[in-house]
């Protein structure tokens, strides 16, 4: 019974004291998230384009390497 009262007191304190502090902080966080979203999407797109460029260049270099590397012949003894 004492545990129930202690838990109830903690929950009541969290709701009455914590909620008025939490809601403005969540609102500020949401506004910052919305403001910074275009920047995050821009850097995501630029990073994707740079990654795509390196993938294409790597595939070309790998293809040229495979084209000019000597063929190996496997023989069974």
PDB file of N, CA and C in Angstrom:
ATOM      1  N   UNK A   1       0.825  -1.185   0.000  1.00  0.00           N
ATOM      2  CA  UNK A   1       0.000   0.000   0.000  1.00  0.00           C
ATOM      3  C   UNK A   1       0.875   1.257   0.000  1.00  0.00           C
ATOM      4  N   UNK A   2       1.970   1.200   0.752  1.00  0.00           N
ATOM      5  CA  UNK A   2       2.873   2.345   0.801  1.00  0.00           C
ATOM      6  C   UNK A   2       3.528   2.574  -0.554  1.00  0.00           C
ATOM      7  N   UNK A   3       3.868   1.472  -1.269  1.00  0.00           N
ATOM      8  CA  UNK A   3       4.445   1.601  -2.601  1.00  0.00           C
ATOM      9  C   UNK A   3       3.457   2.269  -3.554  1.00  0.00           C
ATOM     10  N   UNK A   4       2.186   1.929  -3.437  1.00  0.00           N
ATOM     11  CA  UNK A   4       1.170   2.524  -4.286  1.00  0.00           C
ATOM     12  C   UNK A   4       1.066   4.028  -4.040  1.00  0.00           C
ATOM     13  N   UNK A   5       1.075   4.429  -2.761  1.00  0.00           N
ATOM     14  CA  UNK A   5       0.991   5.850  -2.446  1.00  0.00           C
ATOM     15  C   UNK A   5       2.233   6.605  -2.933  1.00  0.00           C
ATOM     16  N   UNK A   6       3.386   5.994  -2.777  1.00  0.00           N
ATOM     17  CA  UNK A   6       4.625   6.621  -3.230  1.00  0.00           C
ATOM     18  C   UNK A   6       4.611   6.777  -4.753  1.00  0.00           C
ATOM     19  N   UNK A   7       4.200   5.722  -5.450  1.00  0.00           N
ATOM     20  CA  UNK A   7       4.121   5.774  -6.906  1.00  0.00           C
ATOM     21  C   UNK A   7       3.092   6.814  -7.346  1.00  0.00           C
ATOM     22  N   UNK A   8       1.963   6.877  -6.676  1.00  0.00           N
ATOM     23  CA  UNK A   8       0.940   7.859  -7.006  1.00  0.00           C
ATOM     24  C   UNK A   8       1.455   9.276  -6.790  1.00  0.00           C
ATOM     25  N   UNK A   9       2.195   9.500  -5.708  1.00  0.00           N
ATOM     26  CA  UNK A   9       2.751  10.825  -5.445  1.00  0.00           C
ATOM     27  C   UNK A   9       3.760  11.209  -6.523  1.00  0.00           C
ATOM     28  N   UNK A  10       4.576  10.265  -6.944  1.00  0.00           N
ATOM     29  CA  UNK A  10       5.544  10.550  -8.004  1.00  0.00           C
ATOM     30  C   UNK A  10       4.852  10.860  -9.334  1.00  0.00           C
ATOM     31  N   UNK A  11       3.808  10.101  -9.637  1.00  0.00           N
ATOM     32  CA  UNK A  11       3.071  10.348 -10.881  1.00  0.00           C
ATOM     33  C   UNK A  11       2.375  11.702 -10.842  1.00  0.00           C
ATOM     34  N   UNK A  12       1.781  12.052  -9.718  1.00  0.00           N
ATOM     35  CA  UNK A  12       1.118  13.339  -9.586  1.00  0.00           C
ATOM     36  C   UNK A  12       2.126  14.482  -9.711  1.00  0.00           C
ATOM     37  N   UNK A  13       3.296  14.315  -9.132  1.00  0.00           N
ATOM     38  CA  UNK A  13       4.329  15.342  -9.248  1.00  0.00           C
ATOM     39  C   UNK A  13       4.820  15.459 -10.681  1.00  0.00           C
ATOM     40  N   UNK A  14       4.961  14.340 -11.355  1.00  0.00           N
ATOM     41  CA  UNK A  14       5.424  14.364 -12.733  1.00  0.00           C
ATOM     42  C   UNK A  14       4.421  15.069 -13.636  1.00  0.00           C
ATOM     43  N   UNK A  15       3.137  14.829 -13.404  1.00  0.00           N
ATOM     44  CA  UNK A  15       2.111  15.431 -14.250  1.00  0.00           C
ATOM     45  C   UNK A  15       1.941  16.911 -13.925  1.00  0.00           C
ATOM     46  N   UNK A  16       1.927  17.262 -12.659  1.00  0.00           N
ATOM     47  CA  UNK A  16       1.657  18.654 -12.293  1.00  0.00           C
ATOM     48  C   UNK A  16       2.878  19.550 -12.448  1.00  0.00           C
ATOM     49  N   UNK A  17       4.087  19.018 -12.226  1.00  0.00           N
ATOM     50  CA  UNK A  17       5.295  19.830 -12.332  1.00  0.00           C
ATOM     51  C   UNK A  17       5.968  19.640 -13.688  1.00  0.00           C
ATOM     52  N   UNK A  18       6.022  18.421 -14.156  1.00  0.00           N
ATOM     53  CA  UNK A  18       6.761  18.127 -15.373  1.00  0.00           C
ATOM     54  C   UNK A  18       6.041  18.515 -16.646  1.00  0.00           C
ATOM     55  N   UNK A  19       4.720  18.414 -16.669  1.00  0.00           N
ATOM     56  CA  UNK A  19       3.985  18.681 -17.897  1.00  0.00           C
ATOM     57  C   UNK A  19       4.080  20.136 -18.337  1.00  0.00           C
ATOM     58  N   UNK A  20       3.936  21.121 -17.443  1.00  0.00           N
ATOM     59  CA  UNK A  20       4.090  22.509 -17.905  1.00  0.00           C
ATOM     60  C   UNK A  20       5.496  22.841 -18.406  1.00  0.00           C
ATOM     61  N   UNK A  21       6.488  22.083 -17.961  1.00  0.00           N
ATOM     62  CA  UNK A  21       7.852  22.283 -18.457  1.00  0.00           C
ATOM     63  C   UNK A  21       8.044  21.532 -19.766  1.00  0.00           C
ATOM     64  N   UNK A  22       7.460  20.358 -19.865  1.00  0.00           N
ATOM     65  CA  UNK A  22       7.663  19.504 -21.033  1.00  0.00           C
ATOM     66  C   UNK A  22       6.994  20.058 -22.288  1.00  0.00           C
ATOM     67  N   UNK A  23       5.788  20.558 -22.180  1.00  0.00           N
ATOM     68  CA  UNK A  23       5.062  21.008 -23.369  1.00  0.00           C
ATOM     69  C   UNK A  23       5.755  22.156 -24.107  1.00  0.00           C
ATOM     70  N   UNK A  24       6.219  23.222 -23.431  1.00  0.00           N
ATOM     71  CA  UNK A  24       6.949  24.255 -24.185  1.00  0.00           C
ATOM     72  C   UNK A  24       8.244  23.746 -24.801  1.00  0.00           C
ATOM     73  N   UNK A  25       8.940  22.860 -24.093  1.00  0.00           N
ATOM     74  CA  UNK A  25      10.160  22.295 -24.664  1.00  0.00           C
ATOM     75  C   UNK A  25       9.865  21.450 -25.896  1.00  0.00           C
ATOM     76  N   UNK A  26       8.775  20.694 -25.855  1.00  0.00           N
ATOM     77  CA  UNK A  26       8.394  19.907 -27.027  1.00  0.00           C
ATOM     78  C   UNK A  26       7.995  20.818 -28.182  1.00  0.00           C
ATOM     79  N   UNK A  27       7.315  21.921 -27.883  1.00  0.00           N
ATOM     80  CA  UNK A  27       6.923  22.874 -28.921  1.00  0.00           C
ATOM     81  C   UNK A  27       8.152  23.524 -29.553  1.00  0.00           C
ATOM     82  N   UNK A  28       9.126  23.907 -28.744  1.00  0.00           N
ATOM     83  CA  UNK A  28      10.366  24.481 -29.276  1.00  0.00           C
ATOM     84  C   UNK A  28      11.104  23.456 -30.131  1.00  0.00           C
ATOM     85  N   UNK A  29      11.159  22.220 -29.664  1.00  0.00           N
ATOM     86  CA  UNK A  29      11.802  21.160 -30.445  1.00  0.00           C
ATOM     87  C   UNK A  29      11.108  20.912 -31.770  1.00  0.00           C
ATOM     88  N   UNK A  30       9.788  20.948 -31.773  1.00  0.00           N
ATOM     89  CA  UNK A  30       9.041  20.742 -33.012  1.00  0.00           C
ATOM     90  C   UNK A  30       9.287  21.873 -33.995  1.00  0.00           C
ATOM     91  N   UNK A  31       9.309  23.103 -33.506  1.00  0.00           N
ATOM     92  CA  UNK A  31       9.569  24.250 -34.387  1.00  0.00           C
ATOM     93  C   UNK A  31      10.972  24.165 -34.974  1.00  0.00           C
ATOM     94  N   UNK A  32      11.960  23.842 -34.157  1.00  0.00           N
ATOM     95  CA  UNK A  32      13.326  23.684 -34.669  1.00  0.00           C
ATOM     96  C   UNK A  32      13.418  22.548 -35.682  1.00  0.00           C
ATOM     97  N   UNK A  33      12.715  21.453 -35.428  1.00  0.00           N
ATOM     98  CA  UNK A  33      12.729  20.316 -36.356  1.00  0.00           C
ATOM     99  C   UNK A  33      12.149  20.730 -37.705  1.00  0.00           C
ATOM    100  N   UNK A  34      11.058  21.505 -37.691  1.00  0.00           N
ATOM    101  CA  UNK A  34      10.435  21.933 -38.941  1.00  0.00           C
ATOM    102  C   UNK A  34      11.315  22.939 -39.671  1.00  0.00           C
ATOM    103  N   UNK A  35      11.966  23.844 -38.919  1.00  0.00           N
ATOM    104  CA  UNK A  35      12.831  24.838 -39.549  1.00  0.00           C
ATOM    105  C   UNK A  35      14.051  24.180 -40.181  1.00  0.00           C
ATOM    106  N   UNK A  36      14.635  23.191 -39.501  1.00  0.00           N
ATOM    107  CA  UNK A  36      15.862  22.558 -39.991  1.00  0.00           C
ATOM    108  C   UNK A  36      15.609  21.447 -41.005  1.00  0.00           C
ATOM    109  N   UNK A  37      14.351  21.087 -41.217  1.00  0.00           N
ATOM    110  CA  UNK A  37      14.047  19.995 -42.148  1.00  0.00           C
ATOM    111  C   UNK A  37      14.545  20.251 -43.569  1.00  0.00           C
ATOM    112  N   UNK A  38      14.344  21.437 -44.164  1.00  0.00           N
ATOM    113  CA  UNK A  38      14.864  21.638 -45.525  1.00  0.00           C
ATOM    114  C   UNK A  38      16.375  21.493 -45.628  1.00  0.00           C
ATOM    115  N   UNK A  39      17.098  21.943 -44.589  1.00  0.00           N
ATOM    116  CA  UNK A  39      18.553  21.801 -44.611  1.00  0.00           C
ATOM    117  C   UNK A  39      18.958  20.334 -44.552  1.00  0.00           C
ATOM    118  N   UNK A  40      18.276  19.565 -43.705  1.00  0.00           N
ATOM    119  CA  UNK A  40      18.595  18.135 -43.608  1.00  0.00           C
ATOM    120  C   UNK A  40      18.298  17.427 -44.918  1.00  0.00           C
ATOM    121  N   UNK A  41      17.192  17.766 -45.548  1.00  0.00           N
ATOM    122  CA  UNK A  41      16.853  17.128 -46.827  1.00  0.00           C
ATOM    123  C   UNK A  41      17.840  17.524 -47.920  1.00  0.00           C
ATOM    124  N   UNK A  42      18.290  18.787 -47.902  1.00  0.00           N
ATOM    125  CA  UNK A  42      19.263  19.230 -48.892  1.00  0.00           C
ATOM    126  C   UNK A  42      20.576  18.473 -48.742  1.00  0.00           C
ATOM    127  N   UNK A  43      21.081  18.388 -47.511  1.00  0.00           N
ATOM    128  CA  UNK A  43      22.333  17.658 -47.311  1.00  0.00           C
ATOM    129  C   UNK A  43      22.165  16.173 -47.603  1.00  0.00           C
ATOM    130  N   UNK A  44      20.978  15.619 -47.335  1.00  0.00           N
ATOM    131  CA  UNK A  44      20.719  14.218 -47.659  1.00  0.00           C
ATOM    132  C   UNK A  44      20.788  14.004 -49.173  1.00  0.00           C
ATOM    133  N   UNK A  45      20.184  14.935 -49.932  1.00  0.00           N
ATOM    134  CA  UNK A  45      20.192  14.803 -51.394  1.00  0.00           C
ATOM    135  C   UNK A  45      21.600  14.984 -51.948  1.00  0.00           C
ATOM    136  N   UNK A  46      22.330  15.978 -51.448  1.00  0.00           N
ATOM    137  CA  UNK A  46      23.698  16.183 -51.924  1.00  0.00           C
ATOM    138  C   UNK A  46      24.588  14.994 -51.588  1.00  0.00           C
ATOM    139  N   UNK A  47      24.426  14.449 -50.398  1.00  0.00           N
ATOM    140  CA  UNK A  47      25.191  13.261 -50.029  1.00  0.00           C
ATOM    141  C   UNK A  47      24.857  12.080 -50.915  1.00  0.00           C
ATOM    142  N   UNK A  48      23.596  11.938 -51.261  1.00  0.00           N
ATOM    143  CA  UNK A  48      23.202  10.853 -52.161  1.00  0.00           C
ATOM    144  C   UNK A  48      23.795  11.021 -53.547  1.00  0.00           C
ATOM    145  N   UNK A  49      23.828  12.266 -54.042  1.00  0.00           N
ATOM    146  CA  UNK A  49      24.420  12.499 -55.365  1.00  0.00           C
ATOM    147  C   UNK A  49      25.918  12.238 -55.356  1.00  0.00           C
ATOM    148  N   UNK A  50      26.604  12.665 -54.295  1.00  0.00           N
ATOM    149  CA  UNK A  50      28.049  12.406 -54.200  1.00  0.00           C
ATOM    150  C   UNK A  50      28.309  10.904 -54.087  1.00  0.00           C
ATOM    151  N   UNK A  51      27.490  10.209 -53.318  1.00  0.00           N
ATOM    152  CA  UNK A  51      27.646   8.760 -53.188  1.00  0.00           C
ATOM    153  C   UNK A  51      27.403   8.077 -54.531  1.00  0.00           C
ATOM    154  N   UNK A  52      26.395   8.537 -55.268  1.00  0.00           N
ATOM    155  CA  UNK A  52      26.114   7.971 -56.578  1.00  0.00           C
ATOM    156  C   UNK A  52      27.279   8.184 -57.535  1.00  0.00           C
ATOM    157  N   UNK A  53      27.878   9.376 -57.487  1.00  0.00           N
ATOM    158  CA  UNK A  53      29.031   9.666 -58.329  1.00  0.00           C
ATOM    159  C   UNK A  53      30.182   8.714 -58.023  1.00  0.00           C
ATOM    160  N   UNK A  54      30.474   8.489 -56.747  1.00  0.00           N
ATOM    161  CA  UNK A  54      31.571   7.593 -56.395  1.00  0.00           C
ATOM    162  C   UNK A  54      31.251   6.138 -56.733  1.00  0.00           C
ATOM    163  N   UNK A  55      29.993   5.745 -56.641  1.00  0.00           N
ATOM    164  CA  UNK A  55      29.619   4.380 -57.026  1.00  0.00           C
ATOM    165  C   UNK A  55      29.843   4.177 -58.518  1.00  0.00           C
ATOM    166  N   UNK A  56      29.442   5.141 -59.325  1.00  0.00           N
ATOM    167  CA  UNK A  56      29.620   5.023 -60.771  1.00  0.00           C
ATOM    168  C   UNK A  56      31.101   5.020 -61.130  1.00  0.00           C
ATOM    169  N   UNK A  57      31.873   5.932 -60.522  1.00  0.00           N
ATOM    170  CA  UNK A  57      33.313   5.946 -60.795  1.00  0.00           C
ATOM    171  C   UNK A  57      33.988   4.650 -60.343  1.00  0.00           C
ATOM    172  N   UNK A  58      33.592   4.145 -59.191  1.00  0.00           N
ATOM    173  CA  UNK A  58      34.158   2.882 -58.717  1.00  0.00           C
ATOM    174  C   UNK A  58      33.822   1.719 -59.635  1.00  0.00           C
ATOM    175  N   UNK A  59      32.598   1.692 -60.153  1.00  0.00           N
ATOM    176  CA  UNK A  59      32.219   0.624 -61.078  1.00  0.00           C
ATOM    177  C   UNK A  59      33.019   0.713 -62.371  1.00  0.00           C
ATOM    178  N   UNK A  60      33.260   1.933 -62.847  1.00  0.00           N
ATOM    179  CA  UNK A  60      34.046   2.107 -64.075  1.00  0.00           C
ATOM    180  C   UNK A  60      35.484   1.657 -63.842  1.00  0.00           C
ATOM    181  N   UNK A  61      36.075   2.080 -62.731  1.00  0.00           N
ATOM    182  CA  UNK A  61      37.462   1.696 -62.442  1.00  0.00           C
ATOM    183  C   UNK A  61      37.566   0.192 -62.259  1.00  0.00           C
ATOM    184  N   UNK A  62      36.588  -0.416 -61.556  1.00  0.00           N
ATOM    185  CA  UNK A  62      36.614  -1.863 -61.369  1.00  0.00           C
ATOM    186  C   UNK A  62      36.476  -2.587 -62.710  1.00  0.00           C
ATOM    187  N   UNK A  63      35.621  -2.076 -63.591  1.00  0.00           N
ATOM    188  CA  UNK A  63      35.459  -2.694 -64.907  1.00  0.00           C
ATOM    189  C   UNK A  63      36.718  -2.603 -65.739  1.00  0.00           C
ATOM    190  N   UNK A  64      37.388  -1.454 -65.703  1.00  0.00           N
ATOM    191  CA  UNK A  64      38.644  -1.300 -66.452  1.00  0.00           C
ATOM    192  C   UNK A  64      39.712  -2.226 -65.874  1.00  0.00           C
ATOM    193  N   UNK A  65      39.768  -2.316 -64.543  1.00  0.00           N
ATOM    194  CA  UNK A  65      40.732  -3.206 -63.908  1.00  0.00           C
ATOM    195  C   UNK A  65      40.480  -4.652 -64.319  1.00  0.00           C
ATOM    196  N   UNK A  66      39.219  -5.067 -64.311  1.00  0.00           N
ATOM    197  CA  UNK A  66      38.903  -6.446 -64.702  1.00  0.00           C
ATOM    198  C   UNK A  66      39.173  -6.687 -66.177  1.00  0.00           C
ATOM    199  N   UNK A  67      38.999  -5.658 -66.983  1.00  0.00           N
ATOM    200  CA  UNK A  67      39.208  -5.803 -68.425  1.00  0.00           C
ATOM    201  C   UNK A  67      40.678  -6.016 -68.745  1.00  0.00           C
ATOM    202  N   UNK A  68      41.571  -5.318 -68.047  1.00  0.00           N
ATOM    203  CA  UNK A  68      42.994  -5.387 -68.346  1.00  0.00           C
ATOM    204  C   UNK A  68      43.767  -6.342 -67.448  1.00  0.00           C
ATOM    205  N   UNK A  69      43.128  -6.940 -66.474  1.00  0.00           N
ATOM    206  CA  UNK A  69      43.848  -7.891 -65.633  1.00  0.00           C
ATOM    207  C   UNK A  69      43.967  -9.222 -66.365  1.00  0.00           C
ATOM    208  N   UNK A  70      45.073  -9.928 -66.162  1.00  0.00           N
ATOM    209  CA  UNK A  70      45.258 -11.200 -66.876  1.00  0.00           C
ATOM    210  C   UNK A  70      44.255 -12.251 -66.403  1.00  0.00           C
ATOM    211  N   UNK A  71      43.838 -13.055 -67.334  1.00  0.00           N
ATOM    212  CA  UNK A  71      42.892 -14.131 -67.015  1.00  0.00           C
ATOM    213  C   UNK A  71      43.630 -15.248 -66.297  1.00  0.00           C
ATOM    214  N   UNK A  72      42.987 -15.824 -65.321  1.00  0.00           N
ATOM    215  CA  UNK A  72      43.566 -16.957 -64.608  1.00  0.00           C
ATOM    216  C   UNK A  72      42.947 -18.224 -65.161  1.00  0.00           C
ATOM    217  N   UNK A  73      43.797 -19.183 -65.375  1.00  0.00           N
ATOM    218  CA  UNK A  73      43.294 -20.482 -65.840  1.00  0.00           C
ATOM    219  C   UNK A  73      43.442 -21.472 -64.706  1.00  0.00           C
ATOM    220  N   UNK A  74      42.334 -22.084 -64.369  1.00  0.00           N
ATOM    221  CA  UNK A  74      42.339 -23.060 -63.296  1.00  0.00           C
ATOM    222  C   UNK A  74      42.422 -24.446 -63.926  1.00  0.00           C
ATOM    223  N   UNK A  75      43.407 -25.197 -63.488  1.00  0.00           N
ATOM    224  CA  UNK A  75      43.558 -26.564 -64.003  1.00  0.00           C
ATOM    225  C   UNK A  75      43.465 -27.518 -62.840  1.00  0.00           C
ATOM    226  N   UNK A  76      42.951 -28.677 -63.114  1.00  0.00           N
ATOM    227  CA  UNK A  76      42.879 -29.709 -62.088  1.00  0.00           C
ATOM    228  C   UNK A  76      44.014 -30.667 -62.292  1.00  0.00           C
ATOM    229  N   UNK A  77      44.626 -31.072 -61.221  1.00  0.00           N
ATOM    230  CA  UNK A  77      45.794 -31.958 -61.330  1.00  0.00           C
ATOM    231  C   UNK A  77      45.362 -33.394 -61.464  1.00  0.00           C
TER     232      UNK A  77
END
